[in-house]
Amino acid sequence: MNVNVQFREDGNILRGYIEGEIDTYTAPVLREELETVQIVEGRVIELDLSKVNYMDSTGLGIFVAFYKKVTRENASLKLVGLSNRLVRLFEITGLSELMSIETDEELELK
């Protein structure tokens, strides 16, 4: 399986749509895509993970590194559309305390 990433700007918000599996094999593709993101102070970066059907610890590491990069530039990162399984992964590791996370259900209510 592959991972696909597409970005769309919406004013000061950069929305990223991630689809597929994030594991050791596909992680370098995701990392490269996130490295191309222009981060400026005050920008909001929203990554939609609603079409991510699998993620392992490699994927978590990529999101942690990206989160650190974003916060260093005084911007903000929000992960949206997470399945219950992905939310659980972030909760177990304590990353849900650090990062702004929105579940599939919360996204549907908007």
PDB file of N, CA and C in Angstrom:
ATOM      1  N   MET A   1       0.844  -1.194   0.000  1.00  0.00           N
ATOM      2  CA  MET A   1       0.000   0.000   0.000  1.00  0.00           C
ATOM      3  C   MET A   1       0.877   1.240   0.000  1.00  0.00           C
ATOM      4  N   ASN A   2       0.369   2.308  -0.529  1.00  0.00           N
ATOM      5  CA  ASN A   2       1.081   3.572  -0.590  1.00  0.00           C
ATOM      6  C   ASN A   2       0.443   4.589   0.333  1.00  0.00           C
ATOM      7  N   VAL A   3       1.113   5.716   0.446  1.00  0.00           N
ATOM      8  CA  VAL A   3       0.546   6.849   1.158  1.00  0.00           C
ATOM      9  C   VAL A   3       0.516   8.022   0.176  1.00  0.00           C
ATOM     10  N   ASN A   4      -0.608   8.718   0.137  1.00  0.00           N
ATOM     11  CA  ASN A   4      -0.771   9.883  -0.733  1.00  0.00           C
ATOM     12  C   ASN A   4      -1.032  11.098   0.130  1.00  0.00           C
ATOM     13  N   VAL A   5      -0.418  12.212  -0.241  1.00  0.00           N
ATOM     14  CA  VAL A   5      -0.585  13.458   0.501  1.00  0.00           C
ATOM     15  C   VAL A   5      -0.883  14.576  -0.480  1.00  0.00           C
ATOM     16  N   GLN A   6      -1.925  15.339  -0.185  1.00  0.00           N
ATOM     17  CA  GLN A   6      -2.260  16.513  -0.997  1.00  0.00           C
ATOM     18  C   GLN A   6      -2.516  17.681  -0.059  1.00  0.00           C
ATOM     19  N   PHE A   7      -2.104  18.868  -0.484  1.00  0.00           N
ATOM     20  CA  PHE A   7      -2.297  20.064   0.324  1.00  0.00           C
ATOM     21  C   PHE A   7      -3.166  21.065  -0.414  1.00  0.00           C
ATOM     22  N   ARG A   8      -3.928  21.819   0.376  1.00  0.00           N
ATOM     23  CA  ARG A   8      -4.759  22.888  -0.167  1.00  0.00           C
ATOM     24  C   ARG A   8      -4.727  24.059   0.814  1.00  0.00           C
ATOM     25  N   GLU A   9      -4.448  25.250   0.302  1.00  0.00           N
ATOM     26  CA  GLU A   9      -4.424  26.440   1.148  1.00  0.00           C
ATOM     27  C   GLU A   9      -5.817  27.045   1.215  1.00  0.00           C
ATOM     28  N   ASP A  10      -6.171  27.477   2.408  1.00  0.00           N
ATOM     29  CA  ASP A  10      -7.465  28.103   2.650  1.00  0.00           C
ATOM     30  C   ASP A  10      -7.215  29.286   3.582  1.00  0.00           C
ATOM     31  N   GLY A  11      -6.810  30.414   2.998  1.00  0.00           N
ATOM     32  CA  GLY A  11      -6.437  31.576   3.806  1.00  0.00           C
ATOM     33  C   GLY A  11      -5.157  31.270   4.575  1.00  0.00           C
ATOM     34  N   ASN A  12      -5.221  31.411   5.898  1.00  0.00           N
ATOM     35  CA  ASN A  12      -4.063  31.133   6.751  1.00  0.00           C
ATOM     36  C   ASN A  12      -3.993  29.666   7.160  1.00  0.00           C
ATOM     37  N   ILE A  13      -4.929  28.870   6.678  1.00  0.00           N
ATOM     38  CA  ILE A  13      -4.958  27.444   7.019  1.00  0.00           C
ATOM     39  C   ILE A  13      -4.432  26.632   5.841  1.00  0.00           C
ATOM     40  N   LEU A  14      -3.495  25.747   6.139  1.00  0.00           N
ATOM     41  CA  LEU A  14      -3.014  24.801   5.141  1.00  0.00           C
ATOM     42  C   LEU A  14      -3.591  23.445   5.511  1.00  0.00           C
ATOM     43  N   ARG A  15      -4.411  22.904   4.630  1.00  0.00           N
ATOM     44  CA  ARG A  15      -5.042  21.603   4.897  1.00  0.00           C
ATOM     45  C   ARG A  15      -4.309  20.518   4.110  1.00  0.00           C
ATOM     46  N   GLY A  16      -3.902  19.494   4.839  1.00  0.00           N
ATOM     47  CA  GLY A  16      -3.242  18.355   4.215  1.00  0.00           C
ATOM     48  C   GLY A  16      -4.149  17.142   4.317  1.00  0.00           C
ATOM     49  N   TYR A  17      -4.280  16.421   3.222  1.00  0.00           N
ATOM     50  CA  TYR A  17      -5.129  15.229   3.184  1.00  0.00           C
ATOM     51  C   TYR A  17      -4.217  14.021   2.967  1.00  0.00           C
ATOM     52  N   ILE A  18      -4.207  13.142   3.947  1.00  0.00           N
ATOM     53  CA  ILE A  18      -3.320  11.984   3.915  1.00  0.00           C
ATOM     54  C   ILE A  18      -4.174  10.735   3.756  1.00  0.00           C
ATOM     55  N   GLU A  19      -3.754   9.870   2.840  1.00  0.00           N
ATOM     56  CA  GLU A  19      -4.539   8.676   2.527  1.00  0.00           C
ATOM     57  C   GLU A  19      -3.614   7.467   2.406  1.00  0.00           C
ATOM     58  N   GLY A  20      -4.035   6.338   2.979  1.00  0.00           N
ATOM     59  CA  GLY A  20      -3.283   5.097   2.844  1.00  0.00           C
ATOM     60  C   GLY A  20      -2.746   4.590   4.163  1.00  0.00           C
ATOM     61  N   GLU A  21      -1.642   3.871   4.081  1.00  0.00           N
ATOM     62  CA  GLU A  21      -1.003   3.298   5.262  1.00  0.00           C
ATOM     63  C   GLU A  21       0.297   4.027   5.553  1.00  0.00           C
ATOM     64  N   ILE A  22       0.541   4.260   6.844  1.00  0.00           N
ATOM     65  CA  ILE A  22       1.786   4.911   7.252  1.00  0.00           C
ATOM     66  C   ILE A  22       2.575   3.898   8.073  1.00  0.00           C
ATOM     67  N   ASP A  23       3.616   3.379   7.464  1.00  0.00           N
ATOM     68  CA  ASP A  23       4.460   2.394   8.140  1.00  0.00           C
ATOM     69  C   ASP A  23       5.910   2.618   7.721  1.00  0.00           C
ATOM     70  N   THR A  24       6.777   1.712   8.079  1.00  0.00           N
ATOM     71  CA  THR A  24       8.198   1.849   7.772  1.00  0.00           C
ATOM     72  C   THR A  24       8.441   2.014   6.278  1.00  0.00           C
ATOM     73  N   TYR A  25       7.654   1.344   5.471  1.00  0.00           N
ATOM     74  CA  TYR A  25       7.830   1.395   4.024  1.00  0.00           C
ATOM     75  C   TYR A  25       7.390   2.737   3.427  1.00  0.00           C
ATOM     76  N   THR A  26       6.243   3.262   3.884  1.00  0.00           N
ATOM     77  CA  THR A  26       5.686   4.480   3.288  1.00  0.00           C
ATOM     78  C   THR A  26       6.088   5.762   4.019  1.00  0.00           C
ATOM     79  N   ALA A  27       6.624   5.637   5.220  1.00  0.00           N
ATOM     80  CA  ALA A  27       6.971   6.812   6.029  1.00  0.00           C
ATOM     81  C   ALA A  27       7.898   7.804   5.327  1.00  0.00           C
ATOM     82  N   PRO A  28       8.917   7.343   4.583  1.00  0.00           N
ATOM     83  CA  PRO A  28       9.788   8.319   3.914  1.00  0.00           C
ATOM     84  C   PRO A  28       9.033   9.232   2.941  1.00  0.00           C
ATOM     85  N   VAL A  29       8.003   8.710   2.290  1.00  0.00           N
ATOM     86  CA  VAL A  29       7.196   9.523   1.363  1.00  0.00           C
ATOM     87  C   VAL A  29       6.467  10.612   2.142  1.00  0.00           C
ATOM     88  N   LEU A  30       5.849  10.233   3.262  1.00  0.00           N
ATOM     89  CA  LEU A  30       5.126  11.198   4.089  1.00  0.00           C
ATOM     90  C   LEU A  30       6.097  12.245   4.639  1.00  0.00           C
ATOM     91  N   ARG A  31       7.241  11.808   5.124  1.00  0.00           N
ATOM     92  CA  ARG A  31       8.239  12.736   5.666  1.00  0.00           C
ATOM     93  C   ARG A  31       8.659  13.763   4.618  1.00  0.00           C
ATOM     94  N   GLU A  32       8.926  13.297   3.406  1.00  0.00           N
ATOM     95  CA  GLU A  32       9.331  14.202   2.326  1.00  0.00           C
ATOM     96  C   GLU A  32       8.235  15.222   2.015  1.00  0.00           C
ATOM     97  N   GLU A  33       6.999  14.772   1.970  1.00  0.00           N
ATOM     98  CA  GLU A  33       5.881  15.679   1.686  1.00  0.00           C
ATOM     99  C   GLU A  33       5.752  16.739   2.782  1.00  0.00           C
ATOM    100  N   LEU A  34       5.871  16.328   4.046  1.00  0.00           N
ATOM    101  CA  LEU A  34       5.749  17.280   5.148  1.00  0.00           C
ATOM    102  C   LEU A  34       6.922  18.252   5.184  1.00  0.00           C
ATOM    103  N   GLU A  35       8.086  17.808   4.737  1.00  0.00           N
ATOM    104  CA  GLU A  35       9.256  18.693   4.710  1.00  0.00           C
ATOM    105  C   GLU A  35       9.097  19.820   3.696  1.00  0.00           C
ATOM    106  N   THR A  36       8.234  19.639   2.701  1.00  0.00           N
ATOM    107  CA  THR A  36       8.033  20.691   1.692  1.00  0.00           C
ATOM    108  C   THR A  36       7.105  21.807   2.173  1.00  0.00           C
ATOM    109  N   VAL A  37       6.427  21.584   3.296  1.00  0.00           N
ATOM    110  CA  VAL A  37       5.461  22.554   3.800  1.00  0.00           C
ATOM    111  C   VAL A  37       6.175  23.825   4.264  1.00  0.00           C
ATOM    112  N   GLN A  38       5.700  24.956   3.761  1.00  0.00           N
ATOM    113  CA  GLN A  38       6.214  26.262   4.184  1.00  0.00           C
ATOM    114  C   GLN A  38       5.503  26.650   5.481  1.00  0.00           C
ATOM    115  N   ILE A  39       6.263  26.709   6.554  1.00  0.00           N
ATOM    116  CA  ILE A  39       5.687  27.042   7.855  1.00  0.00           C
ATOM    117  C   ILE A  39       6.035  28.484   8.181  1.00  0.00           C
ATOM    118  N   VAL A  40       5.004  29.282   8.408  1.00  0.00           N
ATOM    119  CA  VAL A  40       5.199  30.675   8.788  1.00  0.00           C
ATOM    120  C   VAL A  40       4.464  30.929  10.103  1.00  0.00           C
ATOM    121  N   GLU A  41       4.953  31.889  10.838  1.00  0.00           N
ATOM    122  CA  GLU A  41       4.376  32.206  12.139  1.00  0.00           C
ATOM    123  C   GLU A  41       2.882  32.479  12.018  1.00  0.00           C
ATOM    124  N   GLY A  42       2.114  31.863  12.915  1.00  0.00           N
ATOM    125  CA  GLY A  42       0.677  32.070  12.954  1.00  0.00           C
ATOM    126  C   GLY A  42      -0.139  31.185  12.030  1.00  0.00           C
ATOM    127  N   ARG A  43       0.519  30.454  11.173  1.00  0.00           N
ATOM    128  CA  ARG A  43      -0.205  29.580  10.235  1.00  0.00           C
ATOM    129  C   ARG A  43      -0.784  28.373  10.982  1.00  0.00           C
ATOM    130  N   VAL A  44      -1.949  27.951  10.540  1.00  0.00           N
ATOM    131  CA  VAL A  44      -2.575  26.749  11.078  1.00  0.00           C
ATOM    132  C   VAL A  44      -2.424  25.652  10.029  1.00  0.00           C
ATOM    133  N   ILE A  45      -1.873  24.529  10.461  1.00  0.00           N
ATOM    134  CA  ILE A  45      -1.731  23.381   9.570  1.00  0.00           C
ATOM    135  C   ILE A  45      -2.647  22.286  10.095  1.00  0.00           C
ATOM    136  N   GLU A  46      -3.557  21.861   9.243  1.00  0.00           N
ATOM    137  CA  GLU A  46      -4.551  20.861   9.620  1.00  0.00           C
ATOM    138  C   GLU A  46      -4.339  19.634   8.740  1.00  0.00           C
ATOM    139  N   LEU A  47      -4.025  18.513   9.361  1.00  0.00           N
ATOM    140  CA  LEU A  47      -3.802  17.279   8.610  1.00  0.00           C
ATOM    141  C   LEU A  47      -4.984  16.345   8.824  1.00  0.00           C
ATOM    142  N   ASP A  48      -5.648  16.001   7.742  1.00  0.00           N
ATOM    143  CA  ASP A  48      -6.814  15.122   7.770  1.00  0.00           C
ATOM    144  C   ASP A  48      -6.347  13.681   7.597  1.00  0.00           C
ATOM    145  N   LEU A  49      -6.547  12.880   8.644  1.00  0.00           N
ATOM    146  CA  LEU A  49      -6.125  11.478   8.629  1.00  0.00           C
ATOM    147  C   LEU A  49      -7.308  10.528   8.480  1.00  0.00           C
ATOM    148  N   SER A  50      -8.447  11.036   8.025  1.00  0.00           N
ATOM    149  CA  SER A  50      -9.652  10.199   7.954  1.00  0.00           C
ATOM    150  C   SER A  50      -9.515   9.037   6.970  1.00  0.00           C
ATOM    151  N   LYS A  51      -8.581   9.138   6.027  1.00  0.00           N
ATOM    152  CA  LYS A  51      -8.398   8.055   5.062  1.00  0.00           C
ATOM    153  C   LYS A  51      -7.116   7.272   5.309  1.00  0.00           C
ATOM    154  N   VAL A  52      -6.569   7.415   6.516  1.00  0.00           N
ATOM    155  CA  VAL A  52      -5.410   6.598   6.914  1.00  0.00           C
ATOM    156  C   VAL A  52      -5.980   5.344   7.571  1.00  0.00           C
ATOM    157  N   ASN A  53      -5.718   4.195   6.960  1.00  0.00           N
ATOM    158  CA  ASN A  53      -6.291   2.962   7.497  1.00  0.00           C
ATOM    159  C   ASN A  53      -5.320   2.159   8.351  1.00  0.00           C
ATOM    160  N   TYR A  54      -4.065   2.586   8.424  1.00  0.00           N
ATOM    161  CA  TYR A  54      -3.084   1.910   9.276  1.00  0.00           C
ATOM    162  C   TYR A  54      -1.928   2.854   9.563  1.00  0.00           C
ATOM    163  N   MET A  55      -1.454   2.835  10.806  1.00  0.00           N
ATOM    164  CA  MET A  55      -0.268   3.608  11.152  1.00  0.00           C
ATOM    165  C   MET A  55       0.463   2.894  12.271  1.00  0.00           C
ATOM    166  N   ASP A  56       1.791   2.803  12.134  1.00  0.00           N
ATOM    167  CA  ASP A  56       2.592   2.214  13.198  1.00  0.00           C
ATOM    168  C   ASP A  56       3.423   3.298  13.878  1.00  0.00           C
ATOM    169  N   SER A  57       4.351   2.896  14.719  1.00  0.00           N
ATOM    170  CA  SER A  57       5.146   3.856  15.487  1.00  0.00           C
ATOM    171  C   SER A  57       6.005   4.748  14.598  1.00  0.00           C
ATOM    172  N   THR A  58       6.341   4.282  13.406  1.00  0.00           N
ATOM    173  CA  THR A  58       7.106   5.113  12.474  1.00  0.00           C
ATOM    174  C   THR A  58       6.299   6.355  12.112  1.00  0.00           C
ATOM    175  N   GLY A  59       5.026   6.179  11.881  1.00  0.00           N
ATOM    176  CA  GLY A  59       4.146   7.296  11.563  1.00  0.00           C
ATOM    177  C   GLY A  59       4.034   8.269  12.730  1.00  0.00           C
ATOM    178  N   LEU A  60       3.937   7.723  13.933  1.00  0.00           N
ATOM    179  CA  LEU A  60       3.889   8.591  15.116  1.00  0.00           C
ATOM    180  C   LEU A  60       5.139   9.470  15.178  1.00  0.00           C
ATOM    181  N   GLY A  61       6.285   8.865  14.917  1.00  0.00           N
ATOM    182  CA  GLY A  61       7.543   9.598  14.952  1.00  0.00           C
ATOM    183  C   GLY A  61       7.567  10.743  13.952  1.00  0.00           C
ATOM    184  N   ILE A  62       7.014  10.507  12.780  1.00  0.00           N
ATOM    185  CA  ILE A  62       6.967  11.555  11.756  1.00  0.00           C
ATOM    186  C   ILE A  62       6.087  12.717  12.216  1.00  0.00           C
ATOM    187  N   PHE A  63       4.937  12.410  12.805  1.00  0.00           N
ATOM    188  CA  PHE A  63       4.054  13.468  13.278  1.00  0.00           C
ATOM    189  C   PHE A  63       4.661  14.235  14.454  1.00  0.00           C
ATOM    190  N   VAL A  64       5.398  13.544  15.334  1.00  0.00           N
ATOM    191  CA  VAL A  64       6.068  14.229  16.445  1.00  0.00           C
ATOM    192  C   VAL A  64       7.129  15.197  15.907  1.00  0.00           C
ATOM    193  N   ALA A  65       7.937  14.739  14.953  1.00  0.00           N
ATOM    194  CA  ALA A  65       8.971  15.600  14.368  1.00  0.00           C
ATOM    195  C   ALA A  65       8.342  16.808  13.676  1.00  0.00           C
ATOM    196  N   PHE A  66       7.250  16.576  12.950  1.00  0.00           N
ATOM    197  CA  PHE A  66       6.572  17.674  12.254  1.00  0.00           C
ATOM    198  C   PHE A  66       5.961  18.647  13.265  1.00  0.00           C
ATOM    199  N   TYR A  67       5.365  18.116  14.334  1.00  0.00           N
ATOM    200  CA  TYR A  67       4.793  18.950  15.396  1.00  0.00           C
ATOM    201  C   TYR A  67       5.866  19.862  15.980  1.00  0.00           C
ATOM    202  N   LYS A  68       7.041  19.304  16.258  1.00  0.00           N
ATOM    203  CA  LYS A  68       8.139  20.105  16.818  1.00  0.00           C
ATOM    204  C   LYS A  68       8.567  21.209  15.859  1.00  0.00           C
ATOM    205  N   LYS A  69       8.642  20.878  14.589  1.00  0.00           N
ATOM    206  CA  LYS A  69       9.029  21.865  13.571  1.00  0.00           C
ATOM    207  C   LYS A  69       7.990  22.990  13.504  1.00  0.00           C
ATOM    208  N   VAL A  70       6.727  22.634  13.516  1.00  0.00           N
ATOM    209  CA  VAL A  70       5.638  23.613  13.431  1.00  0.00           C
ATOM    210  C   VAL A  70       5.654  24.531  14.649  1.00  0.00           C
ATOM    211  N   THR A  71       5.786  23.963  15.849  1.00  0.00           N
ATOM    212  CA  THR A  71       5.746  24.787  17.060  1.00  0.00           C
ATOM    213  C   THR A  71       6.989  25.677  17.182  1.00  0.00           C
ATOM    214  N   ARG A  72       8.120  25.223  16.658  1.00  0.00           N
ATOM    215  CA  ARG A  72       9.329  26.061  16.654  1.00  0.00           C
ATOM    216  C   ARG A  72       9.113  27.341  15.858  1.00  0.00           C
ATOM    217  N   GLU A  73       8.279  27.258  14.844  1.00  0.00           N
ATOM    218  CA  GLU A  73       7.999  28.412  13.984  1.00  0.00           C
ATOM    219  C   GLU A  73       6.773  29.206  14.452  1.00  0.00           C
ATOM    220  N   ASN A  74       6.286  28.904  15.665  1.00  0.00           N
ATOM    221  CA  ASN A  74       5.115  29.583  16.235  1.00  0.00           C
ATOM    222  C   ASN A  74       3.873  29.452  15.354  1.00  0.00           C
ATOM    223  N   ALA A  75       3.729  28.294  14.773  1.00  0.00           N
ATOM    224  CA  ALA A  75       2.525  27.950  14.015  1.00  0.00           C
ATOM    225  C   ALA A  75       1.797  26.869  14.815  1.00  0.00           C
ATOM    226  N   SER A  76       0.673  26.387  14.318  1.00  0.00           N
ATOM    227  CA  SER A  76      -0.042  25.339  15.057  1.00  0.00           C
ATOM    228  C   SER A  76      -0.408  24.183  14.134  1.00  0.00           C
ATOM    229  N   LEU A  77      -0.468  23.009  14.735  1.00  0.00           N
ATOM    230  CA  LEU A  77      -0.783  21.786  14.015  1.00  0.00           C
ATOM    231  C   LEU A  77      -1.999  21.140  14.645  1.00  0.00           C
ATOM    232  N   LYS A  78      -2.918  20.717  13.787  1.00  0.00           N
ATOM    233  CA  LYS A  78      -4.107  20.006  14.252  1.00  0.00           C
ATOM    234  C   LYS A  78      -4.280  18.765  13.390  1.00  0.00           C
ATOM    235  N   LEU A  79      -4.464  17.632  14.033  1.00  0.00           N
ATOM    236  CA  LEU A  79      -4.737  16.379  13.330  1.00  0.00           C
ATOM    237  C   LEU A  79      -6.238  16.136  13.414  1.00  0.00           C
ATOM    238  N   VAL A  80      -6.883  15.930  12.281  1.00  0.00           N
ATOM    239  CA  VAL A  80      -8.341  15.770  12.268  1.00  0.00           C
ATOM    240  C   VAL A  80      -8.736  14.471  11.564  1.00  0.00           C
ATOM    241  N   GLY A  81      -9.954  14.034  11.874  1.00  0.00           N
ATOM    242  CA  GLY A  81     -10.522  12.877  11.195  1.00  0.00           C
ATOM    243  C   GLY A  81      -9.927  11.547  11.611  1.00  0.00           C
ATOM    244  N   LEU A  82      -9.345  11.490  12.798  1.00  0.00           N
ATOM    245  CA  LEU A  82      -8.723  10.243  13.242  1.00  0.00           C
ATOM    246  C   LEU A  82      -9.773   9.192  13.594  1.00  0.00           C
ATOM    247  N   SER A  83      -9.527   7.975  13.166  1.00  0.00           N
ATOM    248  CA  SER A  83     -10.392   6.857  13.557  1.00  0.00           C
ATOM    249  C   SER A  83     -10.161   6.576  15.043  1.00  0.00           C
ATOM    250  N   ASN A  84     -11.050   5.831  15.644  1.00  0.00           N
ATOM    251  CA  ASN A  84     -10.888   5.464  17.055  1.00  0.00           C
ATOM    252  C   ASN A  84      -9.575   4.725  17.283  1.00  0.00           C
ATOM    253  N   ARG A  85      -9.187   3.915  16.320  1.00  0.00           N
ATOM    254  CA  ARG A  85      -7.945   3.159  16.435  1.00  0.00           C
ATOM    255  C   ARG A  85      -6.734   4.092  16.467  1.00  0.00           C
ATOM    256  N   LEU A  86      -6.736   5.104  15.602  1.00  0.00           N
ATOM    257  CA  LEU A  86      -5.618   6.054  15.594  1.00  0.00           C
ATOM    258  C   LEU A  86      -5.623   6.924  16.847  1.00  0.00           C
ATOM    259  N   VAL A  87      -6.808   7.330  17.293  1.00  0.00           N
ATOM    260  CA  VAL A  87      -6.896   8.111  18.530  1.00  0.00           C
ATOM    261  C   VAL A  87      -6.289   7.311  19.678  1.00  0.00           C
ATOM    262  N   ARG A  88      -6.626   6.051  19.734  1.00  0.00           N
ATOM    263  CA  ARG A  88      -6.108   5.173  20.798  1.00  0.00           C
ATOM    264  C   ARG A  88      -4.582   5.114  20.755  1.00  0.00           C
ATOM    265  N   LEU A  89      -4.009   5.041  19.574  1.00  0.00           N
ATOM    266  CA  LEU A  89      -2.556   5.016  19.403  1.00  0.00           C
ATOM    267  C   LEU A  89      -1.934   6.293  19.970  1.00  0.00           C
ATOM    268  N   PHE A  90      -2.541   7.433  19.707  1.00  0.00           N
ATOM    269  CA  PHE A  90      -2.034   8.704  20.232  1.00  0.00           C
ATOM    270  C   PHE A  90      -2.237   8.793  21.743  1.00  0.00           C
ATOM    271  N   GLU A  91      -3.332   8.226  22.243  1.00  0.00           N
ATOM    272  CA  GLU A  91      -3.592   8.247  23.687  1.00  0.00           C
ATOM    273  C   GLU A  91      -2.614   7.363  24.448  1.00  0.00           C
ATOM    274  N   ILE A  92      -2.382   6.164  23.950  1.00  0.00           N
ATOM    275  CA  ILE A  92      -1.470   5.226  24.619  1.00  0.00           C
ATOM    276  C   ILE A  92      -0.079   5.818  24.763  1.00  0.00           C
ATOM    277  N   THR A  93       0.358   6.535  23.757  1.00  0.00           N
ATOM    278  CA  THR A  93       1.704   7.109  23.758  1.00  0.00           C
ATOM    279  C   THR A  93       1.770   8.462  24.467  1.00  0.00           C
ATOM    280  N   GLY A  94       0.623   8.999  24.872  1.00  0.00           N
ATOM    281  CA  GLY A  94       0.589  10.294  25.539  1.00  0.00           C
ATOM    282  C   GLY A  94       0.629  11.479  24.581  1.00  0.00           C
ATOM    283  N   LEU A  95       0.664  11.206  23.287  1.00  0.00           N
ATOM    284  CA  LEU A  95       0.745  12.289  22.307  1.00  0.00           C
ATOM    285  C   LEU A  95      -0.548  13.082  22.186  1.00  0.00           C
ATOM    286  N   SER A  96      -1.652  12.486  22.602  1.00  0.00           N
ATOM    287  CA  SER A  96      -2.931  13.209  22.542  1.00  0.00           C
ATOM    288  C   SER A  96      -2.942  14.363  23.542  1.00  0.00           C
ATOM    289  N   GLU A  97      -2.084  14.305  24.552  1.00  0.00           N
ATOM    290  CA  GLU A  97      -1.956  15.401  25.517  1.00  0.00           C
ATOM    291  C   GLU A  97      -1.164  16.560  24.915  1.00  0.00           C
ATOM    292  N   LEU A  98      -0.318  16.242  23.968  1.00  0.00           N
ATOM    293  CA  LEU A  98       0.592  17.214  23.371  1.00  0.00           C
ATOM    294  C   LEU A  98      -0.004  17.884  22.136  1.00  0.00           C
ATOM    295  N   MET A  99      -0.646  17.084  21.305  1.00  0.00           N
ATOM    296  CA  MET A  99      -1.142  17.557  20.014  1.00  0.00           C
ATOM    297  C   MET A  99      -2.653  17.767  20.031  1.00  0.00           C
ATOM    298  N   SER A 100      -3.107  18.660  19.170  1.00  0.00           N
ATOM    299  CA  SER A 100      -4.536  18.891  18.996  1.00  0.00           C
ATOM    300  C   SER A 100      -5.066  17.814  18.051  1.00  0.00           C
ATOM    301  N   ILE A 101      -6.020  17.015  18.554  1.00  0.00           N
ATOM    302  CA  ILE A 101      -6.547  15.879  17.791  1.00  0.00           C
ATOM    303  C   ILE A 101      -8.064  15.942  17.763  1.00  0.00           C
ATOM    304  N   GLU A 102      -8.617  15.670  16.585  1.00  0.00           N
ATOM    305  CA  GLU A 102     -10.068  15.660  16.407  1.00  0.00           C
ATOM    306  C   GLU A 102     -10.450  14.332  15.747  1.00  0.00           C
ATOM    307  N   THR A 103     -11.441  13.658  16.302  1.00  0.00           N
ATOM    308  CA  THR A 103     -11.841  12.347  15.780  1.00  0.00           C
ATOM    309  C   THR A 103     -12.748  12.471  14.570  1.00  0.00           C
ATOM    310  N   ASP A 104     -12.998  11.330  13.927  1.00  0.00           N
ATOM    311  CA  ASP A 104     -13.946  11.254  12.807  1.00  0.00           C
ATOM    312  C   ASP A 104     -15.309  11.809  13.211  1.00  0.00           C
ATOM    313  N   GLU A 105     -15.795  11.400  14.398  1.00  0.00           N
ATOM    314  CA  GLU A 105     -17.125  11.811  14.843  1.00  0.00           C
ATOM    315  C   GLU A 105     -17.202  13.317  15.035  1.00  0.00           C
ATOM    316  N   GLU A 106     -16.156  13.904  15.620  1.00  0.00           N
ATOM    317  CA  GLU A 106     -16.141  15.353  15.830  1.00  0.00           C
ATOM    318  C   GLU A 106     -16.136  16.090  14.508  1.00  0.00           C
ATOM    319  N   LEU A 107     -15.424  15.548  13.522  1.00  0.00           N
ATOM    320  CA  LEU A 107     -15.347  16.158  12.206  1.00  0.00           C
ATOM    321  C   LEU A 107     -16.716  16.120  11.512  1.00  0.00           C
ATOM    322  N   GLU A 108     -17.436  15.009  11.673  1.00  0.00           N
ATOM    323  CA  GLU A 108     -18.753  14.863  11.052  1.00  0.00           C
ATOM    324  C   GLU A 108     -19.771  15.833  11.646  1.00  0.00           C
ATOM    325  N   LEU A 109     -19.613  16.173  12.925  1.00  0.00           N
ATOM    326  CA  LEU A 109     -20.547  17.073  13.574  1.00  0.00           C
ATOM    327  C   LEU A 109     -20.415  18.512  13.082  1.00  0.00           C
ATOM    328  N   LYS A 110     -19.281  18.856  12.508  1.00  0.00           N
ATOM    329  CA  LYS A 110     -19.057  20.245  12.058  1.00  0.00           C
ATOM    330  C   LYS A 110     -19.806  20.561  10.805  1.00  0.00           C
TER     331      LYS A 110
END
